[in-house]
Amino acid sequence: MKLVILDGYAENPGDLSWDWLKDTVDEYVVHEFTKPQEVLQRSTDADILVTNKTVIPGEIIRALPELKFISTLSTGYNVIDIAAARERGIPVSNIPAYSTNGVAQLVFALVLELMNHVGLHNDSVKAGDWTKNRDFCYWKAPLTELHGKTFGIFGFGQIGKAVAQIANAFGMRVLATSPHSRDYSGFGTVEFVDLDTLCKESDVITLHCPLTPETTGLVNRDFLSKMKPNAVLINTSRGPVVNEADLAAALKEGRIAGAGVDVLSTEPPKADNPLLCCENCIITPHIAWASLEARTRLMNIFRSNVEGFLRGEVQNVVN
């Protein structure tokens, strides 16, 4: 049984180990990165194919007669042609719920930076502004308390629920809406509202939805026009959920106060991405998932996926 990992570097840049594979499969190859034109050649003879962000299109799935199982190194699986895998009877497994706490933590790191401007004030102090100041304190931007503000959550899965608990701890009113109909009983501190109400009443809106045809471009000019002018937007879900040109225009025109994003439509971003020029937009390089603790959980779930497949007990199947 041969296993091929197409892009293992992000999951394991050297602080984890693939050694468990020696006792699991007959042969394995870990590529740090794979270019699109290299996917077919590197996947030849693979029984198990593993990807994080490398695209595996249908024509490649159909061209690999030995392929029996595909696993992601991520929760998202939109880089894989799920329909083509299903046609061939190849199960596809993802890695669910490994980074919930890390994503929730980064949401509030972005929110707090937008409200307290810690980085701005640190830079100012290091530049000598405090030593020259005539008073014992100063601030270079408005400072905002979260207590009593309204926190809006779009998407109320595991991450949305974890974020809601933190918002409650800050003393915020929490609103939520979800593209899915589910039983949300047990969340008495959360008000479930429609999307228009979420936009109009929230001081902070955070996105926690998968990328689907329905959510692609969800945050557009119309969505942003319904937000408060002093509200901020947080996106740690998927980049294409936001129309970046519309968000950049809203930020530059002062129609919303700020944004914090950990994901962009193209990663790494192109130099002409409009958000790169917005001073009131904080951008982090897709790091919400990347703590050592989260990547260790990811590795353990991936191992469980592979071992489950080999036992004939496939788990976390998405197709």
C-alpha atoms as a PDB file:
ATOM      1  CA  MET A   1       0.000   0.000   0.000  1.00  0.00           C
ATOM      2  CA  LYS A   2       1.584   3.278  -1.153  1.00  0.00           C
ATOM      3  CA  LEU A   3       0.693   6.658   0.350  1.00  0.00           C
ATOM      4  CA  VAL A   4       1.629   9.976  -1.265  1.00  0.00           C
ATOM      5  CA  ILE A   5       1.354  13.359   0.450  1.00  0.00           C
ATOM      6  CA  LEU A   6       1.363  16.151  -2.121  1.00  0.00           C
ATOM      7  CA  ASP A   7       1.939  19.157   0.153  1.00  0.00           C
ATOM      8  CA  GLY A   8       2.967  18.269   3.676  1.00  0.00           C
ATOM      9  CA  TYR A   9       5.050  21.311   4.591  1.00  0.00           C
ATOM     10  CA  ALA A  10       2.318  23.495   6.097  1.00  0.00           C
ATOM     11  CA  GLU A  11       1.152  20.714   8.420  1.00  0.00           C
ATOM     12  CA  ASN A  12       4.671  19.660   9.348  1.00  0.00           C
ATOM     13  CA  PRO A  13       7.458  22.173   8.667  1.00  0.00           C
ATOM     14  CA  GLY A  14       9.735  20.114  10.897  1.00  0.00           C
ATOM     15  CA  ASP A  15       8.242  20.220  14.389  1.00  0.00           C
ATOM     16  CA  LEU A  16       6.101  17.072  13.979  1.00  0.00           C
ATOM     17  CA  SER A  17       6.875  13.626  12.582  1.00  0.00           C
ATOM     18  CA  TRP A  18       5.665  11.421   9.753  1.00  0.00           C
ATOM     19  CA  ASP A  19       7.498   8.403  11.191  1.00  0.00           C
ATOM     20  CA  TRP A  20       4.271   6.652  12.201  1.00  0.00           C
ATOM     21  CA  LEU A  21       3.693   6.012   8.495  1.00  0.00           C
ATOM     22  CA  LYS A  22       6.587   3.515   8.503  1.00  0.00           C
ATOM     23  CA  ASP A  23       4.470   1.129  10.551  1.00  0.00           C
ATOM     24  CA  THR A  24       1.221   1.900   8.732  1.00  0.00           C
ATOM     25  CA  VAL A  25       1.835   1.572   4.976  1.00  0.00           C
ATOM     26  CA  ASP A  26       4.332  -0.299   2.808  1.00  0.00           C
ATOM     27  CA  GLU A  27       5.653   2.841   1.155  1.00  0.00           C
ATOM     28  CA  TYR A  28       5.130   6.563   1.586  1.00  0.00           C
ATOM     29  CA  VAL A  29       6.395   9.764  -0.010  1.00  0.00           C
ATOM     30  CA  VAL A  30       6.013  13.225   1.521  1.00  0.00           C
ATOM     31  CA  HIS A  31       6.366  16.148  -0.876  1.00  0.00           C
ATOM     32  CA  GLU A  32       6.639  19.581   0.742  1.00  0.00           C
ATOM     33  CA  PHE A  33       4.922  21.278  -2.233  1.00  0.00           C
ATOM     34  CA  THR A  34       3.528  20.085  -5.549  1.00  0.00           C
ATOM     35  CA  LYS A  35       2.904  22.218  -8.624  1.00  0.00           C
ATOM     36  CA  PRO A  36      -0.268  21.569 -10.639  1.00  0.00           C
ATOM     37  CA  GLN A  37       1.721  20.064 -13.507  1.00  0.00           C
ATOM     38  CA  GLU A  38       3.393  17.626 -11.097  1.00  0.00           C
ATOM     39  CA  VAL A  39       0.272  16.158  -9.503  1.00  0.00           C
ATOM     40  CA  LEU A  40      -0.363  13.341 -11.988  1.00  0.00           C
ATOM     41  CA  GLN A  41       3.231  12.121 -12.113  1.00  0.00           C
ATOM     42  CA  ARG A  42       3.641  12.204  -8.329  1.00  0.00           C
ATOM     43  CA  SER A  43       0.320  10.437  -7.777  1.00  0.00           C
ATOM     44  CA  THR A  44       1.019   7.517 -10.105  1.00  0.00           C
ATOM     45  CA  ASP A  45       0.768   4.157  -8.295  1.00  0.00           C
ATOM     46  CA  ALA A  46      -0.603   5.809  -5.143  1.00  0.00           C
ATOM     47  CA  ASP A  47      -3.222   3.822  -3.271  1.00  0.00           C
ATOM     48  CA  ILE A  48      -3.750   6.685  -0.814  1.00  0.00           C
ATOM     49  CA  LEU A  49      -3.438  10.301  -1.928  1.00  0.00           C
ATOM     50  CA  VAL A  50      -3.196  13.157   0.572  1.00  0.00           C
ATOM     51  CA  THR A  51      -3.575  16.880  -0.025  1.00  0.00           C
ATOM     52  CA  ASN A  52      -3.846  20.076   1.935  1.00  0.00           C
ATOM     53  CA  LYS A  53      -4.337  22.760  -0.706  1.00  0.00           C
ATOM     54  CA  THR A  54      -3.052  21.050  -3.884  1.00  0.00           C
ATOM     55  CA  VAL A  55      -5.942  20.686  -6.328  1.00  0.00           C
ATOM     56  CA  ILE A  56      -6.882  17.137  -7.345  1.00  0.00           C
ATOM     57  CA  PRO A  57      -9.189  17.492 -10.359  1.00  0.00           C
ATOM     58  CA  GLY A  58     -11.466  14.839 -11.774  1.00  0.00           C
ATOM     59  CA  GLU A  59      -9.267  14.037 -14.742  1.00  0.00           C
ATOM     60  CA  ILE A  60      -6.422  13.079 -12.436  1.00  0.00           C
ATOM     61  CA  ILE A  61      -8.664  10.988 -10.195  1.00  0.00           C
ATOM     62  CA  ARG A  62      -9.891   9.111 -13.271  1.00  0.00           C
ATOM     63  CA  ALA A  63      -6.298   8.599 -14.480  1.00  0.00           C
ATOM     64  CA  LEU A  64      -5.112   6.829 -11.300  1.00  0.00           C
ATOM     65  CA  PRO A  65      -6.241   3.194 -11.478  1.00  0.00           C
ATOM     66  CA  GLU A  66      -4.574   2.247  -8.181  1.00  0.00           C
ATOM     67  CA  LEU A  67      -6.169   5.063  -6.172  1.00  0.00           C
ATOM     68  CA  LYS A  68      -8.399   3.792  -3.372  1.00  0.00           C
ATOM     69  CA  PHE A  69      -8.594   6.585  -0.792  1.00  0.00           C
ATOM     70  CA  ILE A  70      -8.096  10.355  -0.592  1.00  0.00           C
ATOM     71  CA  SER A  71      -7.532  12.263   2.641  1.00  0.00           C
ATOM     72  CA  THR A  72      -7.149  15.957   3.229  1.00  0.00           C
ATOM     73  CA  LEU A  73      -4.857  17.627   5.737  1.00  0.00           C
ATOM     74  CA  SER A  74      -7.569  20.215   6.330  1.00  0.00           C
ATOM     75  CA  THR A  75     -11.227  20.595   7.146  1.00  0.00           C
ATOM     76  CA  GLY A  76     -12.016  22.063   3.736  1.00  0.00           C
ATOM     77  CA  TYR A  77     -12.108  19.695   0.779  1.00  0.00           C
ATOM     78  CA  ASN A  78     -13.092  21.953  -2.128  1.00  0.00           C
ATOM     79  CA  VAL A  79      -9.705  21.300  -3.801  1.00  0.00           C
ATOM     80  CA  ILE A  80     -10.825  17.718  -4.538  1.00  0.00           C
ATOM     81  CA  ASP A  81     -13.333  16.778  -7.245  1.00  0.00           C
ATOM     82  CA  ILE A  82     -15.683  15.003  -4.872  1.00  0.00           C
ATOM     83  CA  ALA A  83     -18.073  13.919  -7.627  1.00  0.00           C
ATOM     84  CA  ALA A  84     -15.293  12.240  -9.620  1.00  0.00           C
ATOM     85  CA  ALA A  85     -14.110  10.401  -6.507  1.00  0.00           C
ATOM     86  CA  ARG A  86     -17.670   9.281  -5.785  1.00  0.00           C
ATOM     87  CA  GLU A  87     -18.060   8.004  -9.351  1.00  0.00           C
ATOM     88  CA  ARG A  88     -15.050   5.761  -8.826  1.00  0.00           C
ATOM     89  CA  GLY A  89     -16.121   4.658  -5.369  1.00  0.00           C
ATOM     90  CA  ILE A  90     -13.154   6.373  -3.733  1.00  0.00           C
ATOM     91  CA  PRO A  91     -13.933   7.697  -0.247  1.00  0.00           C
ATOM     92  CA  VAL A  92     -12.644  11.155   0.673  1.00  0.00           C
ATOM     93  CA  SER A  93     -12.010  11.977   4.328  1.00  0.00           C
ATOM     94  CA  ASN A  94     -11.319  15.371   5.860  1.00  0.00           C
ATOM     95  CA  ILE A  95      -9.989  16.560   9.240  1.00  0.00           C
ATOM     96  CA  PRO A  96     -12.875  18.001  11.271  1.00  0.00           C
ATOM     97  CA  ALA A  97     -12.830  20.070  14.452  1.00  0.00           C
ATOM     98  CA  TYR A  98      -9.074  20.124  15.054  1.00  0.00           C
ATOM     99  CA  SER A  99      -8.611  23.912  15.163  1.00  0.00           C
ATOM    100  CA  THR A 100     -11.816  25.149  16.809  1.00  0.00           C
ATOM    101  CA  ASN A 101     -10.127  26.777  19.788  1.00  0.00           C
ATOM    102  CA  GLY A 102      -7.305  28.257  17.739  1.00  0.00           C
ATOM    103  CA  VAL A 103      -9.679  29.873  15.261  1.00  0.00           C
ATOM    104  CA  ALA A 104     -11.841  31.275  18.056  1.00  0.00           C
ATOM    105  CA  GLN A 105      -8.719  32.662  19.705  1.00  0.00           C
ATOM    106  CA  LEU A 106      -7.567  34.413  16.534  1.00  0.00           C
ATOM    107  CA  VAL A 107     -11.032  35.909  16.013  1.00  0.00           C
ATOM    108  CA  PHE A 108     -10.636  37.769  19.277  1.00  0.00           C
ATOM    109  CA  ALA A 109      -6.996  38.605  18.627  1.00  0.00           C
ATOM    110  CA  LEU A 110      -8.208  40.438  15.509  1.00  0.00           C
ATOM    111  CA  VAL A 111     -11.185  41.993  17.299  1.00  0.00           C
ATOM    112  CA  LEU A 112      -9.050  43.246  20.179  1.00  0.00           C
ATOM    113  CA  GLU A 113      -6.427  44.676  17.849  1.00  0.00           C
ATOM    114  CA  LEU A 114      -9.154  46.597  16.015  1.00  0.00           C
ATOM    115  CA  MET A 115     -10.633  47.849  19.295  1.00  0.00           C
ATOM    116  CA  ASN A 116      -7.463  48.531  21.314  1.00  0.00           C
ATOM    117  CA  HIS A 117      -4.828  49.087  18.582  1.00  0.00           C
ATOM    118  CA  VAL A 118      -2.127  47.382  20.637  1.00  0.00           C
ATOM    119  CA  GLY A 119       0.293  47.143  17.725  1.00  0.00           C
ATOM    120  CA  LEU A 120      -0.167  50.805  16.811  1.00  0.00           C
ATOM    121  CA  HIS A 121       0.544  51.954  20.347  1.00  0.00           C
ATOM    122  CA  ASN A 122       3.516  49.636  20.777  1.00  0.00           C
ATOM    123  CA  ASP A 123       5.050  51.014  17.573  1.00  0.00           C
ATOM    124  CA  SER A 124       4.380  54.551  18.792  1.00  0.00           C
ATOM    125  CA  VAL A 125       6.051  53.937  22.145  1.00  0.00           C
ATOM    126  CA  LYS A 126       9.063  52.276  20.505  1.00  0.00           C
ATOM    127  CA  ALA A 127       9.314  55.282  18.162  1.00  0.00           C
ATOM    128  CA  GLY A 128       9.735  57.565  21.194  1.00  0.00           C
ATOM    129  CA  ASP A 129       6.301  59.172  21.291  1.00  0.00           C
ATOM    130  CA  TRP A 130       5.699  58.348  24.970  1.00  0.00           C
ATOM    131  CA  THR A 131       9.032  59.727  26.146  1.00  0.00           C
ATOM    132  CA  LYS A 132       8.180  62.999  24.418  1.00  0.00           C
ATOM    133  CA  ASN A 133       4.596  63.129  25.673  1.00  0.00           C
ATOM    134  CA  ARG A 134       3.624  65.866  28.159  1.00  0.00           C
ATOM    135  CA  ASP A 135       1.046  63.682  29.951  1.00  0.00           C
ATOM    136  CA  PHE A 136       1.294  60.243  31.540  1.00  0.00           C
ATOM    137  CA  CYS A 137      -0.726  58.647  28.710  1.00  0.00           C
ATOM    138  CA  TYR A 138      -2.034  59.212  25.200  1.00  0.00           C
ATOM    139  CA  TRP A 139      -3.872  57.264  22.523  1.00  0.00           C
ATOM    140  CA  LYS A 140      -3.505  57.451  18.764  1.00  0.00           C
ATOM    141  CA  ALA A 141      -6.887  55.934  17.850  1.00  0.00           C
ATOM    142  CA  PRO A 142     -10.278  55.574  19.545  1.00  0.00           C
ATOM    143  CA  LEU A 143     -10.388  52.805  22.162  1.00  0.00           C
ATOM    144  CA  THR A 144     -13.551  50.715  22.321  1.00  0.00           C
ATOM    145  CA  GLU A 145     -14.917  48.429  25.044  1.00  0.00           C
ATOM    146  CA  LEU A 146     -16.527  45.187  23.931  1.00  0.00           C
ATOM    147  CA  HIS A 147     -18.775  44.919  26.987  1.00  0.00           C
ATOM    148  CA  GLY A 148     -22.343  45.733  26.035  1.00  0.00           C
ATOM    149  CA  LYS A 149     -21.657  45.667  22.286  1.00  0.00           C
ATOM    150  CA  THR A 150     -23.433  43.309  19.883  1.00  0.00           C
ATOM    151  CA  PHE A 151     -21.480  40.439  18.371  1.00  0.00           C
ATOM    152  CA  GLY A 152     -22.879  38.819  15.211  1.00  0.00           C
ATOM    153  CA  ILE A 153     -21.911  35.307  14.109  1.00  0.00           C
ATOM    154  CA  PHE A 154     -22.651  33.996  10.606  1.00  0.00           C
ATOM    155  CA  GLY A 155     -22.394  30.217  10.778  1.00  0.00           C
ATOM    156  CA  PHE A 156     -23.059  28.434  14.045  1.00  0.00           C
ATOM    157  CA  GLY A 157     -21.097  25.219  13.855  1.00  0.00           C
ATOM    158  CA  GLN A 158     -18.433  24.227  16.363  1.00  0.00           C
ATOM    159  CA  ILE A 159     -16.300  27.322  15.761  1.00  0.00           C
ATOM    160  CA  GLY A 160     -19.277  29.664  15.852  1.00  0.00           C
ATOM    161  CA  LYS A 161     -20.361  28.164  19.168  1.00  0.00           C
ATOM    162  CA  ALA A 162     -16.861  28.518  20.647  1.00  0.00           C
ATOM    163  CA  VAL A 163     -16.734  32.152  19.527  1.00  0.00           C
ATOM    164  CA  ALA A 164     -20.155  32.786  21.076  1.00  0.00           C
ATOM    165  CA  GLN A 165     -18.934  31.534  24.456  1.00  0.00           C
ATOM    166  CA  ILE A 166     -15.991  33.946  24.391  1.00  0.00           C
ATOM    167  CA  ALA A 167     -18.214  36.840  23.329  1.00  0.00           C
ATOM    168  CA  ASN A 168     -20.519  36.033  26.240  1.00  0.00           C
ATOM    169  CA  ALA A 169     -17.521  36.149  28.580  1.00  0.00           C
ATOM    170  CA  PHE A 170     -16.802  39.676  27.363  1.00  0.00           C
ATOM    171  CA  GLY A 171     -20.350  40.665  28.297  1.00  0.00           C
ATOM    172  CA  MET A 172     -21.531  41.068  24.723  1.00  0.00           C
ATOM    173  CA  ARG A 173     -24.975  40.532  23.283  1.00  0.00           C
ATOM    174  CA  VAL A 174     -24.586  37.666  20.797  1.00  0.00           C
ATOM    175  CA  LEU A 175     -26.603  37.291  17.601  1.00  0.00           C
ATOM    176  CA  ALA A 176     -26.261  34.357  15.219  1.00  0.00           C
ATOM    177  CA  THR A 177     -27.583  33.153  11.903  1.00  0.00           C
ATOM    178  CA  SER A 178     -26.723  30.037   9.960  1.00  0.00           C
ATOM    179  CA  PRO A 179     -27.196  28.803   6.401  1.00  0.00           C
ATOM    180  CA  HIS A 180     -28.231  25.443   7.879  1.00  0.00           C
ATOM    181  CA  SER A 181     -31.325  24.536   9.856  1.00  0.00           C
ATOM    182  CA  ARG A 182     -30.206  22.812  13.037  1.00  0.00           C
ATOM    183  CA  ASP A 183     -31.256  22.387  16.624  1.00  0.00           C
ATOM    184  CA  TYR A 184     -29.629  25.235  18.530  1.00  0.00           C
ATOM    185  CA  SER A 185     -31.342  24.557  21.831  1.00  0.00           C
ATOM    186  CA  GLY A 186     -29.045  24.953  24.780  1.00  0.00           C
ATOM    187  CA  PHE A 187     -27.681  28.302  23.624  1.00  0.00           C
ATOM    188  CA  GLY A 188     -29.989  30.530  25.611  1.00  0.00           C
ATOM    189  CA  THR A 189     -27.459  33.381  25.609  1.00  0.00           C
ATOM    190  CA  VAL A 190     -27.553  33.583  21.795  1.00  0.00           C
ATOM    191  CA  GLU A 191     -30.315  35.272  19.803  1.00  0.00           C
ATOM    192  CA  PHE A 192     -30.962  33.656  16.419  1.00  0.00           C
ATOM    193  CA  VAL A 193     -31.911  36.254  13.820  1.00  0.00           C
ATOM    194  CA  ASP A 194     -32.060  36.650  10.054  1.00  0.00           C
ATOM    195  CA  LEU A 195     -29.082  37.937   8.093  1.00  0.00           C
ATOM    196  CA  ASP A 196     -30.426  41.465   7.663  1.00  0.00           C
ATOM    197  CA  THR A 197     -30.890  41.840  11.423  1.00  0.00           C
ATOM    198  CA  LEU A 198     -27.408  40.460  12.040  1.00  0.00           C
ATOM    199  CA  CYS A 199     -25.913  43.041   9.673  1.00  0.00           C
ATOM    200  CA  LYS A 200     -27.888  45.993  10.975  1.00  0.00           C
ATOM    201  CA  GLU A 201     -27.482  45.402  14.721  1.00  0.00           C
ATOM    202  CA  SER A 202     -23.964  43.963  15.117  1.00  0.00           C
ATOM    203  CA  ASP A 203     -20.909  45.963  16.154  1.00  0.00           C
ATOM    204  CA  VAL A 204     -18.722  43.002  15.201  1.00  0.00           C
ATOM    205  CA  ILE A 205     -19.584  40.434  12.520  1.00  0.00           C
ATOM    206  CA  THR A 206     -17.537  37.248  12.244  1.00  0.00           C
ATOM    207  CA  LEU A 207     -17.841  34.645   9.493  1.00  0.00           C
ATOM    208  CA  HIS A 208     -17.735  30.907  10.237  1.00  0.00           C
ATOM    209  CA  CYS A 209     -19.235  29.194   7.210  1.00  0.00           C
ATOM    210  CA  PRO A 210     -17.909  26.766   4.604  1.00  0.00           C
ATOM    211  CA  LEU A 211     -17.259  27.925   1.059  1.00  0.00           C
ATOM    212  CA  THR A 212     -20.254  26.911  -1.042  1.00  0.00           C
ATOM    213  CA  PRO A 213     -21.968  28.405  -4.088  1.00  0.00           C
ATOM    214  CA  GLU A 214     -24.370  30.096  -1.649  1.00  0.00           C
ATOM    215  CA  THR A 215     -21.658  31.660   0.517  1.00  0.00           C
ATOM    216  CA  THR A 216     -19.262  32.674  -2.268  1.00  0.00           C
ATOM    217  CA  GLY A 217     -19.335  36.479  -2.394  1.00  0.00           C
ATOM    218  CA  LEU A 218     -21.757  36.602   0.546  1.00  0.00           C
ATOM    219  CA  VAL A 219     -20.093  39.727   1.915  1.00  0.00           C
ATOM    220  CA  ASN A 220     -20.620  42.144  -0.949  1.00  0.00           C
ATOM    221  CA  ARG A 221     -21.636  45.763  -1.386  1.00  0.00           C
ATOM    222  CA  ASP A 222     -25.222  45.026  -0.342  1.00  0.00           C
ATOM    223  CA  PHE A 223     -24.160  43.122   2.790  1.00  0.00           C
ATOM    224  CA  LEU A 224     -21.693  45.847   3.775  1.00  0.00           C
ATOM    225  CA  SER A 225     -24.240  48.604   3.167  1.00  0.00           C
ATOM    226  CA  LYS A 226     -26.412  47.135   5.924  1.00  0.00           C
ATOM    227  CA  MET A 227     -23.627  47.214   8.529  1.00  0.00           C
ATOM    228  CA  LYS A 228     -23.150  50.006  11.036  1.00  0.00           C
ATOM    229  CA  PRO A 229     -20.509  52.584  10.046  1.00  0.00           C
ATOM    230  CA  ASN A 230     -18.644  51.855  13.299  1.00  0.00           C
ATOM    231  CA  ALA A 231     -18.825  48.062  12.907  1.00  0.00           C
ATOM    232  CA  VAL A 232     -15.966  45.712  12.046  1.00  0.00           C
ATOM    233  CA  LEU A 233     -15.879  42.518   9.997  1.00  0.00           C
ATOM    234  CA  ILE A 234     -13.810  39.418  10.835  1.00  0.00           C
ATOM    235  CA  ASN A 235     -13.183  36.596   8.364  1.00  0.00           C
ATOM    236  CA  THR A 236     -11.410  33.409   9.418  1.00  0.00           C
ATOM    237  CA  SER A 237     -13.546  31.124   7.230  1.00  0.00           C
ATOM    238  CA  ARG A 238     -12.679  31.170   3.514  1.00  0.00           C
ATOM    239  CA  GLY A 239     -11.410  34.078   1.449  1.00  0.00           C
ATOM    240  CA  PRO A 240     -13.948  33.922  -1.399  1.00  0.00           C
ATOM    241  CA  VAL A 241     -16.816  34.377   1.078  1.00  0.00           C
ATOM    242  CA  VAL A 242     -15.859  38.068   0.889  1.00  0.00           C
ATOM    243  CA  ASN A 243     -15.903  40.200  -2.245  1.00  0.00           C
ATOM    244  CA  GLU A 244     -12.566  41.857  -1.572  1.00  0.00           C
ATOM    245  CA  ALA A 245     -13.069  44.798  -3.921  1.00  0.00           C
ATOM    246  CA  ASP A 246     -16.373  45.644  -2.226  1.00  0.00           C
ATOM    247  CA  LEU A 247     -14.828  45.321   1.243  1.00  0.00           C
ATOM    248  CA  ALA A 248     -11.867  47.513   0.289  1.00  0.00           C
ATOM    249  CA  ALA A 249     -14.237  50.175  -1.058  1.00  0.00           C
ATOM    250  CA  ALA A 250     -16.329  50.089   2.127  1.00  0.00           C
ATOM    251  CA  LEU A 251     -13.207  50.464   4.264  1.00  0.00           C
ATOM    252  CA  LYS A 252     -11.713  53.294   2.231  1.00  0.00           C
ATOM    253  CA  GLU A 253     -15.026  55.168   2.094  1.00  0.00           C
ATOM    254  CA  GLY A 254     -15.616  54.773   5.847  1.00  0.00           C
ATOM    255  CA  ARG A 255     -18.808  52.775   5.414  1.00  0.00           C
ATOM    256  CA  ILE A 256     -17.509  50.322   8.028  1.00  0.00           C
ATOM    257  CA  ALA A 257     -14.807  50.967  10.613  1.00  0.00           C
ATOM    258  CA  GLY A 258     -12.429  48.086  10.053  1.00  0.00           C
ATOM    259  CA  ALA A 259     -11.806  44.477   9.133  1.00  0.00           C
ATOM    260  CA  GLY A 260      -9.610  41.619  10.274  1.00  0.00           C
ATOM    261  CA  VAL A 261      -9.028  38.734   7.872  1.00  0.00           C
ATOM    262  CA  ASP A 262      -6.950  35.569   8.102  1.00  0.00           C
ATOM    263  CA  VAL A 263      -7.943  34.312   4.655  1.00  0.00           C
ATOM    264  CA  LEU A 264      -7.947  35.812   1.168  1.00  0.00           C
ATOM    265  CA  SER A 265      -9.413  34.770  -2.174  1.00  0.00           C
ATOM    266  CA  THR A 266      -5.967  33.838  -3.498  1.00  0.00           C
ATOM    267  CA  GLU A 267      -3.241  32.616  -1.147  1.00  0.00           C
ATOM    268  CA  PRO A 268      -0.540  33.835  -1.200  1.00  0.00           C
ATOM    269  CA  PRO A 269      -2.225  37.070  -2.323  1.00  0.00           C
ATOM    270  CA  LYS A 270      -1.382  38.860  -5.512  1.00  0.00           C
ATOM    271  CA  ALA A 271       0.311  42.219  -5.098  1.00  0.00           C
ATOM    272  CA  ASP A 272      -2.773  44.014  -6.425  1.00  0.00           C
ATOM    273  CA  ASN A 273      -5.177  42.576  -3.827  1.00  0.00           C
ATOM    274  CA  PRO A 274      -7.172  45.690  -2.821  1.00  0.00           C
ATOM    275  CA  LEU A 275      -7.174  44.832   0.883  1.00  0.00           C
ATOM    276  CA  LEU A 276      -3.383  45.123   1.085  1.00  0.00           C
ATOM    277  CA  CYS A 277      -3.741  48.901   0.686  1.00  0.00           C
ATOM    278  CA  CYS A 278      -6.381  49.375   3.394  1.00  0.00           C
ATOM    279  CA  GLU A 279      -4.908  50.813   6.597  1.00  0.00           C
ATOM    280  CA  ASN A 280      -7.958  49.791   8.622  1.00  0.00           C
ATOM    281  CA  CYS A 281      -7.730  46.156   7.537  1.00  0.00           C
ATOM    282  CA  ILE A 282      -5.599  43.728   9.557  1.00  0.00           C
ATOM    283  CA  ILE A 283      -4.423  40.727   7.534  1.00  0.00           C
ATOM    284  CA  THR A 284      -2.797  37.611   8.967  1.00  0.00           C
ATOM    285  CA  PRO A 285      -1.387  34.863   6.681  1.00  0.00           C
ATOM    286  CA  HIS A 286      -3.931  32.050   7.241  1.00  0.00           C
ATOM    287  CA  ILE A 287      -2.590  31.160  10.687  1.00  0.00           C
ATOM    288  CA  ALA A 288      -5.740  30.475  12.729  1.00  0.00           C
ATOM    289  CA  TRP A 289      -5.307  26.713  12.244  1.00  0.00           C
ATOM    290  CA  ALA A 290      -1.545  26.591  12.677  1.00  0.00           C
ATOM    291  CA  SER A 291      -0.729  26.352  16.391  1.00  0.00           C
ATOM    292  CA  LEU A 292       1.418  23.367  17.345  1.00  0.00           C
ATOM    293  CA  GLU A 293      -1.470  22.056  19.425  1.00  0.00           C
ATOM    294  CA  ALA A 294      -3.911  22.234  16.517  1.00  0.00           C
ATOM    295  CA  ARG A 295      -1.490  20.696  14.030  1.00  0.00           C
ATOM    296  CA  THR A 296      -0.795  17.866  16.472  1.00  0.00           C
ATOM    297  CA  ARG A 297      -4.531  17.160  16.663  1.00  0.00           C
ATOM    298  CA  LEU A 298      -4.679  17.320  12.859  1.00  0.00           C
ATOM    299  CA  MET A 299      -1.872  14.761  12.574  1.00  0.00           C
ATOM    300  CA  ASN A 300      -3.621  12.434  15.000  1.00  0.00           C
ATOM    301  CA  ILE A 301      -6.937  12.650  13.116  1.00  0.00           C
ATOM    302  CA  PHE A 302      -5.147  12.113   9.802  1.00  0.00           C
ATOM    303  CA  ARG A 303      -3.473   9.022  11.243  1.00  0.00           C
ATOM    304  CA  SER A 304      -6.835   7.784  12.456  1.00  0.00           C
ATOM    305  CA  ASN A 305      -8.314   8.368   8.977  1.00  0.00           C
ATOM    306  CA  VAL A 306      -5.580   6.329   7.302  1.00  0.00           C
ATOM    307  CA  GLU A 307      -5.657   3.517   9.847  1.00  0.00           C
ATOM    308  CA  GLY A 308      -9.458   3.421   9.704  1.00  0.00           C
ATOM    309  CA  PHE A 309      -9.388   3.068   5.924  1.00  0.00           C
ATOM    310  CA  LEU A 310      -6.859   0.231   6.153  1.00  0.00           C
ATOM    311  CA  ARG A 311      -9.143  -1.566   8.642  1.00  0.00           C
ATOM    312  CA  GLY A 312     -12.125  -1.112   6.347  1.00  0.00           C
ATOM    313  CA  GLU A 313     -13.694   1.423   8.709  1.00  0.00           C
ATOM    314  CA  VAL A 314     -13.514   4.676   6.788  1.00  0.00           C
ATOM    315  CA  GLN A 315     -14.316   7.757   8.899  1.00  0.00           C
ATOM    316  CA  ASN A 316     -14.852  11.495   8.390  1.00  0.00           C
ATOM    317  CA  VAL A 317     -16.084  10.776   4.857  1.00  0.00           C
ATOM    318  CA  VAL A 318     -17.310  13.827   2.973  1.00  0.00           C
ATOM    319  CA  ASN A 319     -18.554  12.136  -0.226  1.00  0.00           C
END
